[in-house]
Amino acid sequence: MNVLIPTYLDKFKCIGSLCEDTCCIGWDVYVDQNAYKKYKKSKSKKLKNLFDSNIKRNKKVKDFQAYAKIIMVDDKRCPFLNQENLCDIFIECGEDYLCNTCTYYPRAFSKIDNFIEIGLTTSCPEVARIALLNKNKMDFETKDIFVDKNIKIDFELRDYKNYEQELFWDLRNFSIDIVQNRNYEMDERLAILGISLAGLSNLMNNKDHNQIEQKLKGYKYMIDNMEFKKDFRNMDLRKDMQLKVLKELSELRVNNAYKMKYNKYFKKSLEILNYGQSDEENLNNYIDAYENYYKKFMEDKSYILENYIVNNMFNTKFPYSIQNKTNLFRNFIALMIKYFIIKFNLISLSKYYKEEFDEEKIVKIIQGISKYVDHADGFIEDVINLLEKYNLSTPAHMMIFIKD
């Protein structure tokens, strides 16, 4: 089958018990119907009781892929994960006994036209290392790969209207090209993307295919001729507003967080800012962290954030999405929320780690945060609703939050 993949997928291989952040802790794991039937028929003396007591039918959901659910034990640990951080189902019964969730993570599958796309999430430490530390632009290729017919498809382009399907590739390639355009700084690229999608959103609502194509050509001309540079220089820099919103966004998640990496990072970030003291002191600490630690280190490493954004765009089918369909600017806000939270923690923690702040630390921080924000659609929706409630979801406010 023709499959579109990021080229780094060929380098990925699960490192099992050597992984510093096992994917068998901290998740809700759903079991597909085929795997559930295998578990119920199992004669394994070691696992039979665990299958019966720790895998429950999910009767409220009529979904082949979520037919049942694994009941986690202490600290959200999978009951089949042994002390060596290896899977007893795999050891006792073989790989064929794994449910689809465990077989395919960190991969996600989409159906586009007549082929499948496979994306990988940076919530996996090994994926994060391979994907984020490549200094070259992330690239994609089509290969002939076997894909099981029982995989869970997270996105199907055919669910969209005909004119939306026709525009998908133009809009997607346009968006990724902007983020990978290194003639602009990262904050400039994201501002251009936001401005462009805000304008295109209105045309999408009017279903005006021809005008959208003309608008895209106009934006491309302006980008190629560096016409956005002047406009971006004239935008206000409001780090006080950035800090206020970023802290509020992070707080929404930490209150419900499991004991995972992000909880530790978030608490350290607040300590560095002396959160709870005066707003002026918080702001001064934030600016100090940005100017004297983060900015100096990241000057020649913007490719790390670029790779995170592009990888996320590919996985979520940006600027489309399952949740918001073709509300292009709202999907942009969702992407920026993830970016804001990661950047807030990187800035704060750069001051905490000081000379120990390096590429390895950055990857670990992004991976830990990805485990939350990339798998929490309800949380992202809550944040967007909060921004809309306070009239902070406009293109003008997004530009303020983006600008360095």
Protein backbone atom coordinates (compact mmCIF):
# COMPACT_ATOMS: atom_id res chain seq x y z
CA MET A 1 0.00 0.00 0.00
CA ASN A 2 1.20 3.54 -0.72
CA VAL A 3 2.02 5.17 2.61
CA LEU A 4 3.17 8.74 3.25
CA ILE A 5 5.60 9.00 6.18
CA PRO A 6 8.13 11.42 7.65
CA THR A 7 11.53 10.18 6.46
CA TYR A 8 12.76 9.79 10.04
CA LEU A 9 10.27 6.94 10.62
CA ASP A 10 12.78 4.49 9.13
CA LYS A 11 15.15 5.32 12.00
CA PHE A 12 12.59 4.71 14.72
CA LYS A 13 12.61 1.55 16.81
CA CYS A 14 11.11 1.06 20.26
CA ILE A 15 13.92 0.71 22.81
CA GLY A 16 11.71 -1.13 25.32
CA SER A 17 12.95 -1.25 28.90
CA LEU A 18 15.76 1.19 28.08
CA CYS A 19 13.19 3.97 27.60
CA GLU A 20 13.29 6.57 30.37
CA ASP A 21 9.56 7.27 30.15
CA THR A 22 7.63 4.08 29.43
CA CYS A 23 4.41 4.42 27.45
CA CYS A 24 2.83 1.85 29.77
CA ILE A 25 2.33 4.34 32.61
CA GLY A 26 -0.01 7.33 32.77
CA TRP A 27 -2.41 6.53 29.93
CA ASP A 28 -5.92 5.28 29.42
CA VAL A 29 -5.39 2.19 27.24
CA TYR A 30 -8.28 0.93 25.15
CA VAL A 31 -8.41 -2.64 23.84
CA ASP A 32 -9.83 -3.53 20.42
CA GLN A 33 -12.43 -6.26 20.05
CA ASN A 34 -10.10 -8.85 18.50
CA ALA A 35 -7.53 -8.51 21.29
CA TYR A 36 -10.26 -8.63 23.96
CA LYS A 37 -11.52 -11.96 22.61
CA LYS A 38 -7.99 -13.36 22.66
CA TYR A 39 -7.53 -12.29 26.28
CA LYS A 40 -10.82 -13.89 27.33
CA LYS A 41 -9.84 -17.19 25.68
CA SER A 42 -6.27 -17.16 27.01
CA LYS A 43 -5.10 -20.21 28.96
CA SER A 44 -1.94 -18.51 30.27
CA LYS A 45 -1.54 -19.49 33.92
CA LYS A 46 0.40 -16.31 34.63
CA LEU A 47 -1.95 -13.85 32.93
CA LYS A 48 -5.43 -15.45 33.03
CA ASN A 49 -6.44 -13.79 36.32
CA LEU A 50 -5.05 -10.43 35.22
CA PHE A 51 -6.97 -10.61 31.95
CA ASP A 52 -10.19 -11.31 33.87
CA SER A 53 -9.74 -8.67 36.57
CA ASN A 54 -7.93 -5.84 34.76
CA ILE A 55 -9.60 -5.72 31.36
CA LYS A 56 -13.19 -4.50 31.39
CA ARG A 57 -15.73 -4.22 28.59
CA ASN A 58 -16.46 -0.68 27.54
CA LYS A 59 -20.21 -1.19 27.04
CA LYS A 60 -21.07 2.49 26.75
CA VAL A 61 -18.99 2.92 23.58
CA LYS A 62 -19.79 1.15 20.32
CA ASP A 63 -16.30 1.25 18.88
CA PHE A 64 -14.28 -1.72 17.62
CA GLN A 65 -11.04 -0.05 18.73
CA ALA A 66 -12.33 0.89 22.21
CA TYR A 67 -14.20 -2.34 22.87
CA ALA A 68 -12.60 -2.71 26.31
CA LYS A 69 -10.23 -0.88 28.62
CA ILE A 70 -7.22 -1.87 30.75
CA ILE A 71 -7.72 -1.03 34.42
CA MET A 72 -4.51 0.59 35.58
CA VAL A 73 -2.98 0.01 39.01
CA ASP A 74 -0.94 2.31 41.28
CA ASP A 75 0.33 5.51 39.62
CA LYS A 76 -1.58 4.63 36.43
CA ARG A 77 0.78 1.73 35.77
CA CYS A 78 -0.32 -1.02 33.38
CA PRO A 79 -0.84 -4.27 35.36
CA PHE A 80 0.96 -6.19 32.59
CA LEU A 81 4.14 -4.11 32.93
CA ASN A 82 6.69 -6.06 34.95
CA GLN A 83 9.47 -4.79 37.20
CA GLU A 84 11.91 -4.69 34.30
CA ASN A 85 9.49 -2.37 32.46
CA LEU A 86 8.73 -5.08 29.91
CA CYS A 87 5.29 -6.26 28.78
CA ASP A 88 4.25 -9.65 30.18
CA ILE A 89 1.66 -10.08 27.42
CA PHE A 90 4.40 -9.77 24.82
CA ILE A 91 6.73 -12.09 26.75
CA GLU A 92 4.14 -14.77 27.55
CA CYS A 93 1.93 -14.72 24.46
CA GLY A 94 3.86 -12.97 21.70
CA GLU A 95 3.49 -9.74 19.75
CA ASP A 96 0.28 -10.91 18.04
CA TYR A 97 -1.50 -10.76 21.41
CA LEU A 98 -0.93 -7.03 21.88
CA CYS A 99 -3.95 -4.79 21.40
CA ASN A 100 -3.83 -2.23 18.60
CA THR A 101 -3.11 0.63 21.01
CA CYS A 102 0.06 -1.05 22.25
CA THR A 103 1.07 -2.45 18.87
CA TYR A 104 0.99 0.83 16.99
CA TYR A 105 1.89 3.55 19.52
CA PRO A 106 3.57 6.04 18.93
CA ARG A 107 2.15 5.83 15.40
CA ALA A 108 -1.11 7.40 14.21
CA PHE A 109 -2.86 6.52 10.96
CA SER A 110 -4.85 8.66 8.54
CA LYS A 111 -6.59 7.96 5.24
CA ILE A 112 -5.93 10.59 2.59
CA ASP A 113 -7.35 9.97 -0.87
CA ASN A 114 -6.13 6.50 -1.87
CA PHE A 115 -3.27 6.10 0.57
CA ILE A 116 -2.43 5.93 4.27
CA GLU A 117 -0.35 8.40 6.27
CA ILE A 118 1.64 7.35 9.31
CA GLY A 119 2.69 10.01 11.80
CA LEU A 120 4.63 9.61 15.04
CA THR A 121 4.05 11.57 18.23
CA THR A 122 6.82 13.28 20.19
CA SER A 123 5.23 12.05 23.43
CA CYS A 124 7.54 9.07 22.82
CA PRO A 125 11.12 9.92 23.98
CA GLU A 126 12.78 8.04 21.13
CA VAL A 127 10.61 9.74 18.51
CA ALA A 128 11.30 13.12 20.13
CA ARG A 129 15.06 12.58 19.89
CA ILE A 130 15.00 11.46 16.27
CA ALA A 131 12.45 13.98 15.02
CA LEU A 132 13.47 17.13 16.90
CA LEU A 133 17.26 17.04 16.71
CA ASN A 134 17.52 16.87 12.92
CA LYS A 135 19.00 20.20 11.77
CA ASN A 136 17.63 19.73 8.27
CA LYS A 137 14.02 20.48 7.40
CA MET A 138 11.68 17.62 8.17
CA ASP A 139 10.89 15.79 4.96
CA PHE A 140 8.29 13.23 3.88
CA GLU A 141 8.23 10.37 1.41
CA THR A 142 5.84 7.81 -0.07
CA LYS A 143 6.73 4.14 0.38
CA ASP A 144 5.10 0.79 -0.24
CA ILE A 145 4.40 -0.49 3.29
CA PHE A 146 2.11 -3.23 4.59
CA VAL A 147 -0.66 -1.79 6.77
CA ASP A 148 -3.00 -4.02 8.76
CA LYS A 149 -6.67 -3.60 7.80
CA ASN A 150 -7.65 -3.45 11.49
CA ILE A 151 -5.65 -0.33 12.34
CA LYS A 152 -7.45 2.58 13.91
CA ILE A 153 -7.85 5.41 11.40
CA ASP A 154 -7.87 8.74 13.25
CA PHE A 155 -8.60 10.95 10.25
CA GLU A 156 -10.26 10.42 6.88
CA LEU A 157 -10.27 13.15 4.29
CA ARG A 158 -13.44 11.73 2.74
CA ASP A 159 -15.34 12.94 5.84
CA TYR A 160 -14.94 16.47 4.47
CA LYS A 161 -16.97 18.23 1.80
CA ASN A 162 -15.75 17.97 -1.81
CA TYR A 163 -14.39 21.53 -2.03
CA GLU A 164 -12.60 21.02 1.30
CA GLN A 165 -10.98 17.82 0.03
CA GLU A 166 -9.81 19.65 -3.10
CA LEU A 167 -8.16 22.39 -1.03
CA PHE A 168 -6.51 20.11 1.54
CA TRP A 169 -3.12 19.70 -0.10
CA ASP A 170 -2.75 23.35 -1.09
CA LEU A 171 -3.56 24.53 2.42
CA ARG A 172 -1.46 21.92 4.15
CA ASN A 173 1.64 22.42 1.98
CA PHE A 174 1.26 26.19 2.28
CA SER A 175 1.20 25.93 6.09
CA ILE A 176 4.21 23.60 6.39
CA ASP A 177 6.20 25.68 3.88
CA ILE A 178 5.70 28.79 6.03
CA VAL A 179 6.90 27.07 9.22
CA GLN A 180 9.97 25.74 7.38
CA ASN A 181 10.81 29.07 5.70
CA ARG A 182 14.10 29.93 7.40
CA ASN A 183 14.30 33.33 5.74
CA TYR A 184 12.08 34.38 8.64
CA GLU A 185 12.54 33.99 12.40
CA MET A 186 10.31 31.42 14.09
CA ASP A 187 7.97 34.00 15.63
CA GLU A 188 7.66 35.70 12.23
CA ARG A 189 6.75 32.44 10.53
CA LEU A 190 4.01 31.70 13.05
CA ALA A 191 2.67 35.24 12.78
CA ILE A 192 2.51 34.94 8.98
CA LEU A 193 0.75 31.61 9.31
CA GLY A 194 -1.80 33.06 11.73
CA ILE A 195 -2.49 36.14 9.61
CA SER A 196 -2.88 33.98 6.49
CA LEU A 197 -5.22 31.45 8.07
CA ALA A 198 -7.34 34.18 9.62
CA GLY A 199 -7.94 35.58 6.15
CA LEU A 200 -8.50 32.18 4.59
CA SER A 201 -10.96 31.12 7.30
CA ASN A 202 -13.48 33.71 6.17
CA LEU A 203 -13.22 32.51 2.58
CA MET A 204 -13.63 28.88 3.66
CA ASN A 205 -16.85 29.83 5.43
CA ASN A 206 -18.08 31.30 2.14
CA LYS A 207 -16.99 28.17 0.23
CA ASP A 208 -15.21 30.36 -2.30
CA HIS A 209 -12.71 27.96 -3.89
CA ASN A 210 -11.38 30.36 -6.56
CA GLN A 211 -10.87 33.21 -4.12
CA ILE A 212 -8.98 30.93 -1.75
CA GLU A 213 -6.58 29.92 -4.51
CA GLN A 214 -6.03 33.57 -5.45
CA LYS A 215 -5.49 34.49 -1.80
CA LEU A 216 -2.92 31.74 -1.42
CA LYS A 217 -1.01 33.05 -4.45
CA GLY A 218 -1.08 36.55 -2.97
CA TYR A 219 0.25 35.36 0.39
CA LYS A 220 3.01 33.36 -1.31
CA TYR A 221 4.07 36.43 -3.29
CA MET A 222 4.22 38.54 -0.12
CA ILE A 223 6.22 35.85 1.70
CA ASP A 224 8.71 35.42 -1.14
CA ASN A 225 9.22 39.18 -1.35
CA MET A 226 9.64 39.56 2.42
CA GLU A 227 6.68 41.95 2.62
CA PHE A 228 5.61 40.63 6.03
CA LYS A 229 8.88 41.71 7.68
CA LYS A 230 7.90 45.37 8.06
CA ASP A 231 4.44 44.59 9.43
CA PHE A 232 5.89 42.22 12.01
CA ARG A 233 8.45 44.75 13.24
CA ASN A 234 5.64 47.19 13.95
CA MET A 235 3.71 44.75 16.16
CA ASP A 236 3.72 45.36 19.90
CA LEU A 237 5.85 43.19 22.16
CA ARG A 238 3.82 42.41 25.29
CA LYS A 239 5.68 39.88 27.43
CA ASP A 240 3.47 40.79 30.39
CA MET A 241 0.43 39.54 28.50
CA GLN A 242 2.34 36.52 27.23
CA LEU A 243 3.31 35.56 30.76
CA LYS A 244 -0.17 36.01 32.17
CA VAL A 245 -1.81 33.88 29.51
CA LEU A 246 0.90 31.22 29.44
CA LYS A 247 0.69 30.70 33.19
CA GLU A 248 -3.09 30.43 33.06
CA LEU A 249 -2.91 27.90 30.23
CA SER A 250 -0.44 25.75 32.11
CA GLU A 251 -2.43 25.91 35.33
CA LEU A 252 -5.50 24.49 33.62
CA ARG A 253 -3.67 21.24 33.02
CA VAL A 254 -1.43 20.81 36.05
CA ASN A 255 -4.33 20.55 38.49
CA ASN A 256 -5.44 17.31 36.85
CA ALA A 257 -2.02 15.97 35.94
CA TYR A 258 -0.75 12.51 36.74
CA LYS A 259 2.68 12.22 38.39
CA MET A 260 4.64 12.59 35.19
CA LYS A 261 7.45 14.71 33.82
CA TYR A 262 5.34 17.74 33.02
CA ASN A 263 4.20 18.15 36.62
CA LYS A 264 7.85 18.46 37.66
CA TYR A 265 8.68 20.91 34.85
CA PHE A 266 5.68 23.09 35.58
CA LYS A 267 6.47 23.40 39.29
CA LYS A 268 10.08 24.28 38.54
CA SER A 269 8.95 26.92 36.04
CA LEU A 270 6.79 28.60 38.68
CA GLU A 271 9.62 28.48 41.22
CA ILE A 272 11.96 30.26 38.81
CA LEU A 273 9.39 33.00 38.26
CA ASN A 274 8.68 33.26 42.00
CA TYR A 275 5.06 32.73 41.05
CA GLY A 276 2.74 34.09 43.72
CA GLN A 277 4.83 37.20 44.26
CA SER A 278 4.16 40.52 42.52
CA ASP A 279 3.34 40.59 38.81
CA GLU A 280 6.32 42.89 38.28
CA GLU A 281 8.72 40.40 39.89
CA ASN A 282 7.24 37.54 37.87
CA LEU A 283 7.70 39.54 34.68
CA ASN A 284 11.28 40.58 35.49
CA ASN A 285 12.23 36.96 36.17
CA TYR A 286 10.57 35.84 32.95
CA ILE A 287 12.37 38.49 30.89
CA ASP A 288 15.68 37.63 32.59
CA ALA A 289 15.21 33.94 31.77
CA TYR A 290 14.37 34.77 28.16
CA GLU A 291 17.14 37.31 27.52
CA ASN A 292 20.03 35.75 29.41
CA TYR A 293 19.43 32.02 29.06
CA TYR A 294 16.80 30.93 26.54
CA LYS A 295 17.52 33.42 23.75
CA LYS A 296 21.29 32.88 23.79
CA PHE A 297 21.01 29.12 23.60
CA MET A 298 18.15 28.93 21.06
CA GLU A 299 19.56 31.42 18.55
CA ASP A 300 20.91 28.66 16.31
CA LYS A 301 18.54 25.90 17.46
CA SER A 302 15.15 27.10 16.28
CA TYR A 303 15.02 23.94 14.15
CA ILE A 304 13.98 22.04 17.31
CA LEU A 305 10.75 23.99 17.70
CA GLU A 306 10.29 24.04 13.93
CA ASN A 307 10.45 20.24 13.86
CA TYR A 308 8.00 19.94 16.74
CA ILE A 309 5.47 22.18 15.00
CA VAL A 310 5.82 20.51 11.58
CA ASN A 311 5.58 17.04 13.11
CA ASN A 312 2.45 18.08 14.98
CA MET A 313 0.97 19.63 11.84
CA PHE A 314 1.54 16.43 9.90
CA ASN A 315 -0.02 14.26 12.61
CA THR A 316 -3.11 16.44 13.11
CA LYS A 317 -3.64 17.13 9.36
CA PHE A 318 -3.25 20.85 9.98
CA PRO A 319 -4.81 23.22 9.07
CA TYR A 320 -7.75 20.76 9.15
CA SER A 321 -8.60 18.68 12.19
CA ILE A 322 -11.01 16.04 13.39
CA GLN A 323 -12.54 18.27 16.06
CA ASN A 324 -12.83 21.65 14.34
CA LYS A 325 -13.02 20.50 10.75
CA THR A 326 -12.05 23.45 8.51
CA ASN A 327 -12.15 26.29 11.00
CA LEU A 328 -8.60 27.14 9.96
CA PHE A 329 -7.88 29.91 12.44
CA ARG A 330 -9.32 27.99 15.37
CA ASN A 331 -7.07 25.07 14.45
CA PHE A 332 -4.18 27.54 14.38
CA ILE A 333 -5.03 28.64 17.92
CA ALA A 334 -5.03 24.99 19.03
CA LEU A 335 -1.53 24.54 17.60
CA MET A 336 -0.32 27.77 19.21
CA ILE A 337 -1.60 26.71 22.64
CA LYS A 338 0.73 23.71 22.48
CA TYR A 339 3.56 25.95 21.30
CA PHE A 340 2.88 28.56 24.03
CA ILE A 341 2.98 25.98 26.82
CA ILE A 342 6.20 24.39 25.55
CA LYS A 343 7.89 27.75 25.06
CA PHE A 344 6.83 29.05 28.49
CA ASN A 345 8.40 26.05 30.19
CA LEU A 346 11.55 26.15 28.03
CA ILE A 347 12.10 29.82 28.84
CA SER A 348 11.61 29.35 32.58
CA LEU A 349 13.61 26.13 32.80
CA SER A 350 16.52 27.57 30.81
CA LYS A 351 17.19 29.75 33.85
CA TYR A 352 16.78 26.80 36.19
CA TYR A 353 19.26 24.57 34.32
CA LYS A 354 21.58 27.46 33.28
CA GLU A 355 24.76 26.00 31.75
CA GLU A 356 23.21 22.51 31.85
CA PHE A 357 20.43 23.65 29.53
CA ASP A 358 21.20 21.77 26.32
CA GLU A 359 19.54 19.95 23.44
CA GLU A 360 18.95 16.83 25.52
CA LYS A 361 17.12 18.86 28.19
CA ILE A 362 15.01 20.61 25.57
CA VAL A 363 13.97 17.31 23.98
CA LYS A 364 13.04 15.84 27.38
CA ILE A 365 10.97 18.90 28.26
CA ILE A 366 9.13 18.90 24.92
CA GLN A 367 8.52 15.14 25.16
CA GLY A 368 7.16 15.42 28.70
CA ILE A 369 4.82 18.24 27.76
CA SER A 370 3.76 16.48 24.54
CA LYS A 371 2.49 13.62 26.67
CA TYR A 372 -0.13 16.07 27.91
CA VAL A 373 -0.97 18.62 25.27
CA ASP A 374 -0.75 16.37 22.21
CA HIS A 375 -3.17 13.84 23.67
CA ALA A 376 -5.67 16.10 25.42
CA ASP A 377 -8.22 17.35 22.92
CA GLY A 378 -10.66 18.25 25.68
CA PHE A 379 -8.03 20.38 27.38
CA ILE A 380 -7.20 22.23 24.17
CA GLU A 381 -10.89 22.94 23.61
CA ASP A 382 -11.24 24.24 27.17
CA VAL A 383 -8.33 26.63 26.62
CA ILE A 384 -9.73 27.91 23.33
CA ASN A 385 -13.09 28.49 25.01
CA LEU A 386 -11.33 30.37 27.81
CA LEU A 387 -9.50 32.60 25.33
CA GLU A 388 -12.72 33.26 23.46
CA LYS A 389 -14.50 34.12 26.72
CA TYR A 390 -11.98 36.90 27.42
CA ASN A 391 -11.75 38.00 23.77
CA LEU A 392 -8.14 36.84 23.53
CA SER A 393 -8.59 34.60 20.49
CA THR A 394 -8.35 37.32 17.84
CA PRO A 395 -5.53 37.42 15.25
CA ALA A 396 -4.16 40.55 16.98
CA HIS A 397 -3.89 38.77 20.34
CA MET A 398 -2.30 35.72 18.77
CA MET A 399 0.40 37.94 17.26
CA ILE A 400 1.13 39.42 20.69
CA PHE A 401 1.52 35.97 22.21
CA ILE A 402 3.78 34.80 19.39
CA LYS A 403 6.24 37.69 19.15
CA ASP A 404 9.61 37.29 20.86
